[in-house]
Amino acid sequence: MIKIIFLSMFAALALSGCDEEKNKTVEYYMQNSDERKAKIAECKNNPGELALQHNCVNASKAETKASMRKEDTRDYSGAFGN
């Protein structure tokens, strides 16, 4: 009887962790733009359930940082009378 209870508890524990996704950092998403874009799309597709999950928040923060880091390629050399 104890074996059955133990095995049932073990099975429940093993199965409960199957759907969990490992939390990834903002830096991870900064370095992996394809995964960042995929995560953002997934989060936007189901904002009611996913918007506040760590990976959605981190991917969104990484997207903001990435867009701020893009270099401005306009040429300002003649703008100030140089």
Protein backbone atom coordinates (compact mmCIF):
# COMPACT_ATOMS: atom_id res chain seq x y z
CA MET A 1 0.00 0.00 0.00
CA ILE A 2 2.82 2.38 0.85
CA LYS A 3 4.50 1.59 -2.49
CA ILE A 4 1.33 2.55 -4.37
CA ILE A 5 1.07 5.85 -2.51
CA PHE A 6 4.75 6.59 -3.06
CA LEU A 7 4.57 5.76 -6.77
CA SER A 8 1.43 7.86 -7.18
CA MET A 9 3.09 10.84 -5.52
CA PHE A 10 6.23 10.39 -7.61
CA ALA A 11 4.21 10.20 -10.84
CA ALA A 12 2.26 13.33 -9.91
CA LEU A 13 5.47 15.22 -9.19
CA ALA A 14 7.11 14.08 -12.40
CA LEU A 15 4.14 15.05 -14.54
CA SER A 16 3.57 18.41 -12.87
CA GLY A 17 6.91 19.74 -14.13
CA CYS A 18 6.42 18.75 -17.75
CA ASP A 19 4.79 21.96 -18.95
CA GLU A 20 7.06 24.38 -17.13
CA GLU A 21 9.42 26.41 -19.24
CA LYS A 22 12.78 27.45 -17.85
CA ASN A 23 12.98 31.18 -17.13
CA LYS A 24 15.34 32.98 -19.47
CA THR A 25 17.01 36.29 -18.77
CA VAL A 26 16.75 39.58 -20.62
CA GLU A 27 20.37 39.09 -21.72
CA TYR A 28 19.50 35.66 -23.14
CA TYR A 29 16.75 37.19 -25.25
CA MET A 30 19.09 40.03 -26.28
CA GLN A 31 21.48 37.44 -27.71
CA ASN A 32 18.78 35.23 -29.30
CA SER A 33 16.62 37.54 -31.42
CA ASP A 34 14.74 34.76 -33.24
CA GLU A 35 13.65 33.19 -29.97
CA ARG A 36 12.83 36.65 -28.57
CA LYS A 37 10.56 37.40 -31.53
CA ALA A 38 8.87 34.00 -31.25
CA LYS A 39 8.26 34.46 -27.52
CA ILE A 40 6.83 37.94 -28.02
CA ALA A 41 4.47 36.63 -30.71
CA GLU A 42 3.37 33.79 -28.42
CA CYS A 43 2.75 36.21 -25.55
CA LYS A 44 0.78 38.62 -27.74
CA ASN A 45 -1.34 35.73 -28.99
CA ASN A 46 -2.48 34.88 -25.44
CA PRO A 47 -1.95 37.95 -23.25
CA GLY A 48 -4.53 36.94 -20.65
CA GLU A 49 -2.52 33.93 -19.57
CA LEU A 50 1.02 34.76 -20.66
CA ALA A 51 1.59 38.52 -20.43
CA LEU A 52 2.94 38.45 -16.88
CA GLN A 53 5.03 35.29 -17.18
CA HIS A 54 8.76 35.82 -16.64
CA ASN A 55 9.76 34.90 -20.18
CA CYS A 56 7.18 37.20 -21.74
CA VAL A 57 8.31 40.10 -19.57
CA ASN A 58 11.99 39.38 -20.21
CA ALA A 59 11.52 39.02 -23.97
CA SER A 60 9.61 42.29 -24.06
CA LYS A 61 12.32 44.09 -22.06
CA ALA A 62 14.97 42.66 -24.39
CA GLU A 63 13.03 43.89 -27.42
CA THR A 64 12.89 47.39 -25.93
CA LYS A 65 16.63 47.34 -25.21
CA ALA A 66 17.42 45.99 -28.67
CA SER A 67 15.39 48.70 -30.37
CA MET A 68 17.17 51.36 -28.30
CA ARG A 69 20.60 49.93 -29.20
CA LYS A 70 20.07 50.02 -32.93
CA GLU A 71 22.47 52.54 -34.34
CA ASP A 72 21.13 55.58 -36.08
CA THR A 73 22.67 55.38 -39.54
CA ARG A 74 21.77 58.90 -40.68
CA ASP A 75 24.67 61.14 -41.63
CA TYR A 76 24.74 64.33 -39.59
CA SER A 77 28.18 65.50 -40.80
CA GLY A 78 26.81 68.50 -42.72
CA ALA A 79 24.01 69.34 -40.29
CA PHE A 80 26.05 71.73 -38.19
CA GLY A 81 27.91 73.57 -40.92
CA ASN A 82 30.92 71.28 -40.92
